[in-house]
Structure formats: structure tokens, C-alpha cells
N, C-alpha and C. Protein backbone atom coordinates (compact mmCIF):
# COMPACT_ATOMS: atom_id res chain seq x y z
N MET A 1 0.88 -1.18 -0.03
CA MET A 1 -0.06 0.02 0.06
C MET A 1 0.87 1.24 0.03
N ASN A 2 0.56 2.17 -0.90
CA ASN A 2 1.18 3.48 -0.89
C ASN A 2 0.35 4.56 -0.33
N ILE A 3 0.93 5.28 0.65
CA ILE A 3 0.19 6.41 1.23
C ILE A 3 0.99 7.79 1.20
N ILE A 4 0.47 8.71 0.77
CA ILE A 4 1.09 10.01 0.74
C ILE A 4 0.41 10.94 1.78
N ILE A 5 1.20 11.49 2.76
CA ILE A 5 0.72 12.33 3.79
C ILE A 5 1.26 13.76 3.52
N ALA A 6 0.33 14.72 3.29
CA ALA A 6 0.75 16.04 2.86
C ALA A 6 0.08 17.17 3.74
N GLY A 7 0.84 18.16 3.94
CA GLY A 7 0.37 19.33 4.68
C GLY A 7 1.38 20.37 4.76
N VAL A 8 1.35 21.06 5.85
CA VAL A 8 2.38 22.26 6.00
C VAL A 8 3.02 22.02 7.39
N GLY A 9 4.24 22.69 7.47
CA GLY A 9 5.00 22.48 8.71
C GLY A 9 4.20 22.81 9.97
N GLY A 10 4.46 22.10 11.00
CA GLY A 10 3.76 22.34 12.35
C GLY A 10 2.42 21.51 12.44
N GLN A 11 2.03 20.76 11.36
CA GLN A 11 0.81 20.06 11.47
C GLN A 11 0.89 18.67 12.00
N GLY A 12 2.13 18.16 12.11
CA GLY A 12 2.42 16.83 12.58
C GLY A 12 2.42 15.77 11.58
N ILE A 13 2.80 16.14 10.37
CA ILE A 13 2.84 15.15 9.19
C ILE A 13 3.90 14.07 9.55
N ILE A 14 5.11 14.43 9.93
CA ILE A 14 6.18 13.60 10.19
C ILE A 14 5.82 12.64 11.23
N LEU A 15 5.26 13.08 12.30
CA LEU A 15 4.90 12.20 13.39
C LEU A 15 3.80 11.20 12.94
N ALA A 16 2.88 11.68 12.07
CA ALA A 16 1.76 10.77 11.49
C ALA A 16 2.45 9.57 10.71
N SER A 17 3.39 10.04 9.75
CA SER A 17 4.06 8.94 9.00
C SER A 17 4.83 8.01 9.72
N ARG A 18 5.54 8.51 10.80
CA ARG A 18 6.29 7.62 11.63
C ARG A 18 5.43 6.67 12.44
N ALA A 19 4.22 7.18 12.99
CA ALA A 19 3.27 6.27 13.68
C ALA A 19 2.79 5.20 12.69
N LEU A 20 2.42 5.54 11.45
CA LEU A 20 1.93 4.60 10.46
C LEU A 20 3.08 3.56 10.13
N ALA A 21 4.33 4.06 10.04
CA ALA A 21 5.41 3.10 9.77
C ALA A 21 5.66 2.14 10.90
N GLU A 22 5.55 2.66 12.05
CA GLU A 22 5.79 1.85 13.35
C GLU A 22 4.72 0.79 13.45
N ALA A 23 3.42 1.28 13.19
CA ALA A 23 2.38 0.23 13.26
C ALA A 23 2.59 -0.88 12.21
N ALA A 24 3.03 -0.49 11.06
CA ALA A 24 3.25 -1.45 10.02
C ALA A 24 4.41 -2.47 10.41
N LEU A 25 5.56 -1.94 11.05
CA LEU A 25 6.63 -2.81 11.56
C LEU A 25 6.11 -3.79 12.61
N GLU A 26 5.28 -3.25 13.51
CA GLU A 26 4.74 -3.99 14.54
C GLU A 26 3.93 -5.19 14.12
N ALA A 27 3.21 -4.99 12.88
CA ALA A 27 2.43 -6.00 12.24
C ALA A 27 3.32 -6.90 11.40
N GLY A 28 4.68 -6.78 11.38
CA GLY A 28 5.50 -7.59 10.70
C GLY A 28 5.64 -7.33 9.14
N LEU A 29 5.13 -6.09 8.83
CA LEU A 29 5.20 -5.68 7.33
C LEU A 29 6.48 -4.91 7.01
N ALA A 30 6.94 -5.08 5.75
CA ALA A 30 7.95 -4.27 5.24
C ALA A 30 7.43 -2.73 5.11
N VAL A 31 8.28 -1.80 5.46
CA VAL A 31 7.77 -0.48 5.36
C VAL A 31 8.96 0.46 4.98
N ARG A 32 8.72 1.48 4.03
CA ARG A 32 9.73 2.34 3.72
C ARG A 32 9.01 3.77 3.70
N THR A 33 9.89 4.79 4.23
CA THR A 33 9.29 6.14 4.27
C THR A 33 10.31 7.07 3.77
N ALA A 34 9.82 8.25 3.32
CA ALA A 34 10.68 9.32 2.89
C ALA A 34 9.95 10.59 3.17
N GLU A 35 10.57 11.67 3.48
CA GLU A 35 9.96 13.06 3.66
C GLU A 35 10.57 14.09 2.84
N THR A 36 9.71 15.09 2.40
CA THR A 36 10.22 16.27 1.72
C THR A 36 9.71 17.35 2.55
N ILE A 37 10.71 18.19 3.15
CA ILE A 37 10.26 19.23 4.04
C ILE A 37 10.81 20.54 3.55
N GLY A 38 9.90 21.44 3.22
CA GLY A 38 10.29 22.76 2.70
C GLY A 38 9.94 23.84 3.73
N MET A 39 10.88 24.50 4.35
CA MET A 39 10.63 25.53 5.18
C MET A 39 9.64 25.02 6.28
N ALA A 40 9.75 23.92 6.78
CA ALA A 40 8.66 23.31 7.62
C ALA A 40 8.39 24.11 8.95
N GLN A 41 9.38 24.77 9.49
CA GLN A 41 9.08 25.54 10.58
C GLN A 41 8.37 26.81 10.30
N ARG A 42 8.27 27.24 9.06
CA ARG A 42 7.46 28.41 8.64
C ARG A 42 6.35 28.09 7.85
N GLU A 43 5.61 26.98 8.26
CA GLU A 43 4.50 26.55 7.41
C GLU A 43 4.64 26.16 6.00
N GLY A 44 5.89 25.81 5.67
CA GLY A 44 6.19 25.39 4.27
C GLY A 44 5.61 24.01 3.98
N ALA A 45 5.53 23.53 2.78
CA ALA A 45 5.03 22.26 2.42
C ALA A 45 5.85 21.20 2.98
N VAL A 46 5.16 20.10 3.46
CA VAL A 46 5.70 18.85 3.96
C VAL A 46 4.88 17.73 3.34
N VAL A 47 5.74 16.76 2.83
CA VAL A 47 5.04 15.56 2.33
C VAL A 47 5.91 14.37 2.77
N SER A 48 5.05 13.34 3.23
CA SER A 48 5.81 11.99 3.59
C SER A 48 5.19 10.98 2.63
N HIS A 49 6.04 10.04 2.30
CA HIS A 49 5.74 8.82 1.46
C HIS A 49 5.83 7.70 2.46
N VAL A 50 4.84 6.94 2.50
CA VAL A 50 4.83 5.68 3.35
C VAL A 50 4.41 4.50 2.44
N ARG A 51 5.40 3.59 2.24
CA ARG A 51 5.13 2.36 1.39
C ARG A 51 5.03 1.15 2.36
N ILE A 52 3.98 0.35 2.34
CA ILE A 52 3.73 -0.73 3.21
C ILE A 52 3.67 -1.98 2.45
N GLY A 53 4.44 -2.95 2.82
CA GLY A 53 4.39 -4.36 2.18
C GLY A 53 5.03 -4.39 0.87
N LEU A 54 5.81 -3.48 0.55
CA LEU A 54 6.56 -3.44 -0.79
C LEU A 54 8.10 -3.53 -0.53
N PRO A 55 8.69 -4.67 -0.09
CA PRO A 55 10.06 -4.72 0.41
C PRO A 55 11.12 -4.43 -0.66
N ASP A 56 10.77 -4.62 -1.91
CA ASP A 56 11.81 -4.56 -3.06
C ASP A 56 11.69 -3.19 -3.70
N TYR A 57 10.89 -2.19 -3.11
CA TYR A 57 10.80 -0.91 -3.78
C TYR A 57 11.38 0.16 -2.94
N GLY A 58 11.80 1.32 -3.54
CA GLY A 58 12.38 2.49 -2.79
C GLY A 58 11.25 3.16 -2.08
N PRO A 59 11.62 4.23 -1.22
CA PRO A 59 10.65 4.86 -0.48
C PRO A 59 9.83 5.87 -1.15
N LEU A 60 10.16 6.42 -2.39
CA LEU A 60 9.33 7.30 -2.99
C LEU A 60 8.28 6.73 -3.81
N ILE A 61 7.08 7.30 -3.69
CA ILE A 61 5.90 6.75 -4.35
C ILE A 61 5.79 7.54 -5.67
N PRO A 62 5.90 6.67 -6.83
CA PRO A 62 5.79 7.28 -8.06
C PRO A 62 4.42 7.94 -8.36
N ARG A 63 4.45 8.87 -9.22
CA ARG A 63 3.21 9.60 -9.60
C ARG A 63 2.14 8.55 -9.96
N ALA A 64 0.91 8.96 -9.55
CA ALA A 64 -0.34 8.21 -9.91
C ALA A 64 -0.33 6.72 -9.36
N THR A 65 0.38 6.52 -8.26
CA THR A 65 0.32 5.13 -7.76
C THR A 65 0.00 5.08 -6.19
N ALA A 66 -0.27 6.18 -5.59
CA ALA A 66 -0.58 6.21 -4.18
C ALA A 66 -2.01 5.84 -4.08
N ASP A 67 -2.35 4.84 -3.07
CA ASP A 67 -3.61 4.33 -2.80
C ASP A 67 -4.50 5.39 -1.96
N ILE A 68 -3.72 6.10 -1.15
CA ILE A 68 -4.38 6.98 -0.35
C ILE A 68 -3.54 8.36 -0.19
N LEU A 69 -4.27 9.42 -0.29
CA LEU A 69 -3.76 10.77 -0.04
C LEU A 69 -4.31 11.24 1.31
N LEU A 70 -3.50 11.39 2.33
CA LEU A 70 -3.91 11.93 3.68
C LEU A 70 -3.46 13.34 3.70
N ALA A 71 -4.38 14.32 3.46
CA ALA A 71 -3.99 15.67 3.39
C ALA A 71 -4.48 16.57 4.55
N PHE A 72 -3.57 17.14 5.24
CA PHE A 72 -3.89 17.91 6.44
C PHE A 72 -4.34 19.39 6.07
N GLU A 73 -4.29 19.68 4.71
CA GLU A 73 -4.58 20.95 4.22
C GLU A 73 -5.19 20.90 2.86
N PRO A 74 -6.24 21.67 2.49
CA PRO A 74 -6.74 21.47 1.21
C PRO A 74 -5.84 21.82 -0.09
N GLY A 75 -5.15 22.90 0.10
CA GLY A 75 -4.26 23.24 -1.02
C GLY A 75 -3.12 22.24 -1.22
N GLU A 76 -2.69 21.66 -0.11
CA GLU A 76 -1.67 20.57 -0.24
C GLU A 76 -2.22 19.34 -0.83
N ALA A 77 -3.58 19.07 -0.55
CA ALA A 77 -4.30 17.95 -1.33
C ALA A 77 -4.27 18.11 -2.80
N ALA A 78 -4.55 19.37 -3.18
CA ALA A 78 -4.62 19.65 -4.68
C ALA A 78 -3.18 19.60 -5.21
N ARG A 79 -2.16 20.04 -4.49
CA ARG A 79 -0.81 20.04 -5.02
C ARG A 79 -0.30 18.57 -5.18
N HIS A 80 -0.76 17.60 -4.38
CA HIS A 80 -0.21 16.26 -4.44
C HIS A 80 -1.28 15.32 -4.98
N LEU A 81 -2.30 15.84 -5.66
CA LEU A 81 -3.38 14.94 -6.31
C LEU A 81 -2.83 14.05 -7.37
N ALA A 82 -1.73 14.57 -8.08
CA ALA A 82 -1.21 13.77 -9.18
C ALA A 82 -0.52 12.44 -8.68
N CYS A 83 -0.23 12.40 -7.36
CA CYS A 83 0.39 11.21 -6.80
C CYS A 83 -0.63 10.11 -6.62
N LEU A 84 -1.99 10.42 -6.54
CA LEU A 84 -3.04 9.42 -6.27
C LEU A 84 -3.38 8.64 -7.44
N ARG A 85 -3.51 7.33 -7.27
CA ARG A 85 -3.92 6.41 -8.46
C ARG A 85 -5.34 6.68 -8.71
N LYS A 86 -5.74 6.24 -9.96
CA LYS A 86 -7.16 6.18 -10.37
C LYS A 86 -7.83 5.27 -9.39
N GLY A 87 -9.02 5.63 -8.73
CA GLY A 87 -9.77 4.77 -7.93
C GLY A 87 -9.22 4.96 -6.46
N GLY A 88 -8.14 5.79 -6.17
CA GLY A 88 -7.60 5.96 -4.89
C GLY A 88 -8.62 6.77 -3.95
N SER A 89 -8.19 6.87 -2.73
CA SER A 89 -8.95 7.62 -1.74
C SER A 89 -8.24 8.77 -1.20
N ALA A 90 -8.90 9.86 -1.00
CA ALA A 90 -8.34 11.14 -0.35
C ALA A 90 -9.01 11.55 0.86
N VAL A 91 -8.39 11.57 2.00
CA VAL A 91 -8.85 12.11 3.18
C VAL A 91 -8.33 13.58 3.41
N VAL A 92 -9.14 14.46 3.40
CA VAL A 92 -8.73 15.83 3.47
C VAL A 92 -9.35 16.76 4.53
N ALA A 93 -8.43 17.25 5.34
CA ALA A 93 -8.81 18.35 6.39
C ALA A 93 -9.18 19.64 5.59
N THR A 94 -10.35 20.14 5.86
CA THR A 94 -10.95 21.28 5.21
C THR A 94 -10.46 22.67 5.62
N SER A 95 -9.86 22.75 6.80
CA SER A 95 -9.42 24.08 7.22
C SER A 95 -8.02 24.51 6.52
N PRO A 96 -8.02 25.62 5.88
CA PRO A 96 -6.88 26.01 5.14
C PRO A 96 -5.89 26.66 6.16
N VAL A 97 -4.55 26.56 5.68
CA VAL A 97 -3.53 27.34 6.27
C VAL A 97 -3.07 28.33 5.22
N MET A 98 -3.40 29.55 5.52
CA MET A 98 -3.23 30.66 4.47
C MET A 98 -1.67 30.92 4.25
N PRO A 99 -1.30 30.84 3.10
CA PRO A 99 0.08 31.17 2.59
C PRO A 99 0.38 32.66 2.96
N VAL A 100 1.64 32.98 3.10
CA VAL A 100 2.06 34.30 3.43
C VAL A 100 1.52 35.23 2.32
N SER A 101 1.72 34.78 1.06
CA SER A 101 1.28 35.63 -0.08
C SER A 101 -0.17 36.01 -0.04
N VAL A 102 -1.03 35.16 0.61
CA VAL A 102 -2.44 35.46 0.64
C VAL A 102 -2.56 36.41 1.79
N SER A 103 -1.90 36.26 2.93
CA SER A 103 -1.98 37.18 4.03
C SER A 103 -1.59 38.62 3.63
N LEU A 104 -0.62 38.71 2.75
CA LEU A 104 -0.14 39.99 2.25
C LEU A 104 -0.99 40.56 1.15
N GLY A 105 -1.99 39.80 0.61
CA GLY A 105 -2.79 40.32 -0.39
C GLY A 105 -2.20 40.18 -1.75
N ALA A 106 -1.13 39.40 -1.88
CA ALA A 106 -0.46 39.36 -3.17
C ALA A 106 -1.14 38.16 -4.02
N SER A 107 -1.89 37.30 -3.40
CA SER A 107 -2.54 36.19 -4.03
C SER A 107 -3.84 35.82 -3.41
N ALA A 108 -4.63 34.96 -3.96
CA ALA A 108 -5.89 34.57 -3.37
C ALA A 108 -5.86 33.11 -3.12
N TYR A 109 -6.74 32.62 -2.19
CA TYR A 109 -6.83 31.28 -1.83
C TYR A 109 -8.29 30.96 -1.68
N ASP A 110 -9.06 30.47 -2.72
CA ASP A 110 -10.51 30.16 -2.62
C ASP A 110 -10.60 28.68 -2.19
N VAL A 111 -10.72 28.50 -0.82
CA VAL A 111 -10.79 27.17 -0.36
C VAL A 111 -12.03 26.42 -0.88
N ASP A 112 -13.23 27.05 -1.01
CA ASP A 112 -14.30 26.27 -1.47
C ASP A 112 -14.03 25.79 -2.90
N ALA A 113 -13.44 26.58 -3.76
CA ALA A 113 -13.14 26.13 -5.08
C ALA A 113 -12.17 24.98 -5.07
N VAL A 114 -11.26 25.04 -4.15
CA VAL A 114 -10.23 23.88 -4.04
C VAL A 114 -10.94 22.55 -3.66
N LEU A 115 -11.87 22.70 -2.72
CA LEU A 115 -12.67 21.54 -2.19
C LEU A 115 -13.54 21.02 -3.26
N ARG A 116 -14.15 21.92 -3.97
CA ARG A 116 -15.02 21.46 -5.21
C ARG A 116 -14.17 20.71 -6.24
N PHE A 117 -12.95 21.31 -6.47
CA PHE A 117 -12.04 20.66 -7.48
C PHE A 117 -11.81 19.23 -6.99
N LEU A 118 -11.35 19.10 -5.70
CA LEU A 118 -10.96 17.79 -5.13
C LEU A 118 -12.20 16.88 -5.22
N GLU A 119 -13.37 17.22 -4.91
CA GLU A 119 -14.49 16.43 -4.90
C GLU A 119 -14.69 15.85 -6.26
N GLY A 120 -14.51 16.64 -7.29
CA GLY A 120 -14.71 16.21 -8.63
C GLY A 120 -13.60 15.36 -9.17
N ALA A 121 -12.38 15.55 -8.69
CA ALA A 121 -11.20 14.84 -9.15
C ALA A 121 -10.79 13.56 -8.57
N VAL A 122 -11.38 13.34 -7.37
CA VAL A 122 -11.01 12.12 -6.50
C VAL A 122 -12.22 11.11 -6.63
N GLU A 123 -12.01 9.85 -6.81
CA GLU A 123 -13.07 8.96 -6.86
C GLU A 123 -13.68 8.73 -5.39
N HIS A 124 -12.79 8.63 -4.45
CA HIS A 124 -13.25 8.51 -3.10
C HIS A 124 -12.78 9.56 -2.21
N PRO A 125 -13.37 10.73 -2.18
CA PRO A 125 -13.01 11.82 -1.37
C PRO A 125 -13.69 11.79 0.00
N TYR A 126 -12.96 12.09 0.99
CA TYR A 126 -13.53 12.21 2.37
C TYR A 126 -13.03 13.51 2.97
N PHE A 127 -13.99 14.44 3.36
CA PHE A 127 -13.60 15.73 3.93
C PHE A 127 -14.01 15.76 5.37
N LEU A 128 -13.18 16.45 6.24
CA LEU A 128 -13.49 16.55 7.62
C LEU A 128 -12.86 17.87 8.09
N ASP A 129 -13.49 18.59 9.07
CA ASP A 129 -12.96 19.72 9.74
C ASP A 129 -12.10 19.19 10.83
N ALA A 130 -10.83 18.86 10.47
CA ALA A 130 -9.94 18.19 11.47
C ALA A 130 -9.57 19.23 12.51
N ALA A 131 -9.46 20.51 12.15
CA ALA A 131 -8.95 21.55 13.08
C ALA A 131 -10.07 21.68 14.25
N ALA A 132 -11.29 21.73 13.81
CA ALA A 132 -12.35 21.82 14.85
C ALA A 132 -12.47 20.60 15.70
N LEU A 133 -12.18 19.47 15.16
CA LEU A 133 -12.24 18.16 15.90
C LEU A 133 -11.05 18.13 16.90
N ALA A 134 -9.93 18.63 16.41
CA ALA A 134 -8.81 18.65 17.31
C ALA A 134 -9.02 19.66 18.52
N ARG A 135 -9.64 20.86 18.19
CA ARG A 135 -10.02 21.67 19.28
C ARG A 135 -11.06 21.04 20.27
N GLU A 136 -11.91 20.37 19.63
CA GLU A 136 -13.00 19.64 20.52
C GLU A 136 -12.26 18.56 21.43
N ALA A 137 -11.22 17.95 20.87
CA ALA A 137 -10.52 16.96 21.72
C ALA A 137 -9.65 17.63 22.83
N GLY A 138 -9.30 18.90 22.61
CA GLY A 138 -8.63 19.57 23.68
C GLY A 138 -7.34 20.35 23.23
N SER A 139 -6.90 20.15 21.93
CA SER A 139 -5.76 20.88 21.51
C SER A 139 -5.65 20.77 20.04
N ILE A 140 -5.44 21.95 19.38
CA ILE A 140 -5.26 22.00 17.91
C ILE A 140 -4.07 21.20 17.57
N LYS A 141 -3.07 21.00 18.39
CA LYS A 141 -1.88 20.20 18.11
C LYS A 141 -2.26 18.69 17.88
N ALA A 142 -3.43 18.29 18.18
CA ALA A 142 -3.91 16.83 18.03
C ALA A 142 -4.55 16.67 16.72
N LEU A 143 -4.32 17.61 15.81
CA LEU A 143 -4.88 17.59 14.33
C LEU A 143 -4.42 16.29 13.72
N ASN A 144 -3.08 15.94 13.88
CA ASN A 144 -2.56 14.76 13.28
C ASN A 144 -3.26 13.43 13.79
N MET A 145 -3.55 13.54 15.07
CA MET A 145 -4.31 12.28 15.55
C MET A 145 -5.66 12.20 15.01
N VAL A 146 -6.37 13.36 14.74
CA VAL A 146 -7.68 13.32 14.16
C VAL A 146 -7.53 12.72 12.77
N MET A 147 -6.49 13.15 12.10
CA MET A 147 -6.22 12.56 10.72
C MET A 147 -5.93 11.13 10.67
N LEU A 148 -5.09 10.69 11.65
CA LEU A 148 -4.84 9.25 11.84
C LEU A 148 -6.11 8.43 12.18
N GLY A 149 -6.89 9.08 13.00
CA GLY A 149 -8.17 8.30 13.28
C GLY A 149 -9.04 8.15 12.00
N ALA A 150 -9.12 9.30 11.29
CA ALA A 150 -9.84 9.00 10.02
C ALA A 150 -9.26 8.11 9.07
N LEU A 151 -7.93 8.03 8.95
CA LEU A 151 -7.37 7.20 8.06
C LEU A 151 -7.51 5.72 8.58
N SER A 152 -7.59 5.49 9.85
CA SER A 152 -7.78 4.18 10.31
C SER A 152 -9.26 3.59 9.92
N ARG A 153 -10.07 4.42 9.45
CA ARG A 153 -11.42 3.88 8.97
C ARG A 153 -11.19 3.23 7.60
N LEU A 154 -10.15 3.55 6.88
CA LEU A 154 -10.01 3.02 5.49
C LEU A 154 -9.42 1.62 5.68
N ASP A 155 -9.28 0.89 4.51
CA ASP A 155 -8.88 -0.46 4.46
C ASP A 155 -7.30 -0.50 4.52
N LEU A 156 -6.75 -0.37 5.79
CA LEU A 156 -5.29 -0.33 5.97
C LEU A 156 -4.84 -1.76 6.28
N PRO A 157 -3.51 -2.08 6.02
CA PRO A 157 -2.85 -3.25 6.36
C PRO A 157 -2.48 -3.26 7.83
N VAL A 158 -2.80 -2.36 8.59
CA VAL A 158 -2.63 -2.24 10.12
C VAL A 158 -3.97 -1.97 10.78
N GLY A 159 -4.05 -2.52 11.99
CA GLY A 159 -5.26 -2.36 12.68
C GLY A 159 -5.46 -0.96 13.36
N GLU A 160 -6.63 -0.61 13.63
CA GLU A 160 -6.87 0.74 14.32
C GLU A 160 -6.14 0.85 15.64
N GLN A 161 -6.20 -0.16 16.48
CA GLN A 161 -5.54 -0.06 17.82
C GLN A 161 -4.03 -0.06 17.67
N ASN A 162 -3.50 -0.71 16.71
CA ASN A 162 -2.07 -0.76 16.40
C ASN A 162 -1.53 0.60 16.02
N LEU A 163 -2.37 1.24 15.12
CA LEU A 163 -1.97 2.60 14.66
C LEU A 163 -2.08 3.60 15.94
N LEU A 164 -3.16 3.57 16.65
CA LEU A 164 -3.23 4.46 17.83
C LEU A 164 -2.11 4.27 18.82
N GLU A 165 -1.83 3.01 19.21
CA GLU A 165 -0.73 2.82 20.09
C GLU A 165 0.66 3.14 19.62
N ALA A 166 0.90 2.99 18.37
CA ALA A 166 2.15 3.42 17.70
C ALA A 166 2.19 4.92 17.78
N ALA A 167 1.22 5.60 17.58
CA ALA A 167 1.22 7.17 17.64
C ALA A 167 1.42 7.56 19.05
N LEU A 168 0.80 6.96 20.01
CA LEU A 168 0.80 7.37 21.38
C LEU A 168 2.24 7.22 22.00
N LYS A 169 2.94 6.20 21.50
CA LYS A 169 4.39 6.02 21.87
C LYS A 169 5.27 7.14 21.51
N LEU A 170 4.93 7.88 20.48
CA LEU A 170 5.71 8.86 19.88
C LEU A 170 5.40 10.26 20.62
N LEU A 171 4.41 10.27 21.42
CA LEU A 171 3.89 11.59 22.00
C LEU A 171 4.04 11.53 23.46
N PRO A 172 4.17 12.79 24.07
CA PRO A 172 4.37 12.91 25.51
C PRO A 172 3.21 12.19 26.29
N PRO A 173 3.50 11.48 27.31
CA PRO A 173 2.49 10.67 27.94
C PRO A 173 1.38 11.60 28.55
N GLN A 174 1.73 12.87 28.89
CA GLN A 174 0.68 13.69 29.46
C GLN A 174 -0.33 14.18 28.43
N THR A 175 -0.13 13.85 27.17
CA THR A 175 -1.09 14.19 26.23
C THR A 175 -1.97 13.05 25.71
N GLU A 176 -1.85 11.96 26.45
CA GLU A 176 -2.60 10.73 25.94
C GLU A 176 -4.05 10.89 25.90
N THR A 177 -4.64 11.53 26.84
CA THR A 177 -6.15 11.61 26.88
C THR A 177 -6.61 12.39 25.76
N VAL A 178 -5.95 13.60 25.49
CA VAL A 178 -6.40 14.48 24.40
C VAL A 178 -6.21 13.72 23.05
N ASN A 179 -5.06 13.02 22.85
CA ASN A 179 -4.71 12.26 21.66
C ASN A 179 -5.71 11.17 21.33
N ARG A 180 -6.00 10.39 22.44
CA ARG A 180 -6.97 9.26 22.25
C ARG A 180 -8.30 9.91 21.85
N ARG A 181 -8.82 11.07 22.48
CA ARG A 181 -9.98 11.52 22.06
C ARG A 181 -10.03 12.09 20.61
N ALA A 182 -8.93 12.77 20.30
CA ALA A 182 -8.82 13.12 18.92
C ALA A 182 -8.78 12.02 17.81
N PHE A 183 -8.15 10.94 18.13
CA PHE A 183 -8.21 9.80 17.31
C PHE A 183 -9.60 9.28 17.10
N ALA A 184 -10.27 9.09 18.22
CA ALA A 184 -11.66 8.69 18.19
C ALA A 184 -12.63 9.64 17.35
N LEU A 185 -12.44 10.91 17.52
CA LEU A 185 -13.13 11.93 16.77
C LEU A 185 -12.94 11.81 15.35
N GLY A 186 -11.72 11.62 14.99
CA GLY A 186 -11.43 11.34 13.56
C GLY A 186 -12.04 10.08 12.97
N ARG A 187 -12.03 9.07 13.66
CA ARG A 187 -12.76 7.81 13.21
C ARG A 187 -14.27 8.10 13.14
N GLN A 188 -14.73 8.76 14.20
CA GLN A 188 -16.23 9.06 14.02
C GLN A 188 -16.68 9.87 12.85
N ALA A 189 -15.69 10.87 12.45
CA ALA A 189 -16.01 11.76 11.43
C ALA A 189 -16.18 11.03 10.13
N LEU A 190 -15.45 9.97 9.90
CA LEU A 190 -15.55 9.13 8.59
C LEU A 190 -16.67 8.12 8.78
N GLU A 191 -17.21 7.90 9.89
CA GLU A 191 -18.26 6.85 10.08
C GLU A 191 -19.45 7.27 9.13
N GLY A 192 -19.79 6.30 8.34
CA GLY A 192 -20.92 6.51 7.41
C GLY A 192 -20.59 7.15 6.13
N LEU A 193 -19.26 7.65 5.94
CA LEU A 193 -18.78 8.24 4.72
C LEU A 193 -18.03 7.25 3.87
N GLU A 194 -17.57 6.09 4.51
CA GLU A 194 -16.87 5.14 3.74
C GLU A 194 -17.65 4.66 2.57
N LYS A 195 -16.97 4.42 1.43
CA LYS A 195 -17.68 4.12 0.27
C LYS A 195 -17.21 2.73 -0.21
């Protein structure tokens, strides 16, 4: 299985990809990962490639071969859409992170248009307000756990509980309650949306 995780710096993309990789290793599966980080500390683009069960392949997922696109930000979903295979699934957080150029008035970012484009371009799109769910769980920093919870609803080669436990091992113990709640809210958000 090929999974692209995309977003911007500070959203927890790297932690999410490491949790997924750890869960795959715990399940006895071969796993390869690679990250591309652009100005990650300043909300630059971040993308992780996670390849599970493909021991003879390199870590980078070729164009149009990703089974799942897990996007923490709508614009980044659109940017990495070419990675998704025909018939693939995209789980997209709907809250945008406005680029500096938009904040300065030098460009525009029509989030509704991006979401409409994604809905028409992806065979299996799933949209959720992950930022609101993270705040409901107790911390906006739990956005990555909301997204992992949503991802766990799809047909993965790793179990829901394995993914959750792998992620919790990477996080400070004092955040466990919030992160468990965030993961559960992400799962619930996709309930009934699975196709």
C-alpha cells in the first residue's frame, strides 16, 4: 500500500508518517518512508511517503500510484493529487493554512473552489474539519491524531488499535487523553462516509 501524507510544517505530518510506519513494523510488514520538508518551521510544504508491504521498492511513491492521499490542508491535497492512483482515496482536512502571499494580499486562496475541485477529481473523497475536531479533543496540536483516526477507517494493512498505540508511543504521556479523544473523533468523522 502506498500512502502520501501532505500538509504544512507544524501540523504533525512527520509524526503521523512515523506512527503509520511503526504500526506496519509491529504488524511484521515491510515499510519504507521518505519525507520532503520545505521551510517546515515556517508553514512550508511537507510531504511524507509511506510504502507498506513493498520490500523491493524504494521509499518514494511514483506519480499516480498512491492508494491514499492523507492531506492535512486542502491546497496541499490539490498539490499532491497527481500522486493518487485512479480509484484511490483522499482524506482531506478542510481548514486552510493561508500562505504568506495570501496574508499579504499578493494572491488569493479560494478554499471552497479547491474543495469542489478535489470532490470532482477524486473517486473516493472524504472531507472533515480536522482543526475543529482537534480543538474539541482539547488541543489544535492533536490535528494529526484526528487525521490518523480518520485514516484508520479505511482499508489499511494495520489495525486501528495498532496505529493508535504506535502514535501514542511517539507523543508525551501527559497528552494521551487528548490524543486518544482526537483519534476517536477522527474515526467518528468518517463513520458512514466510507464508500
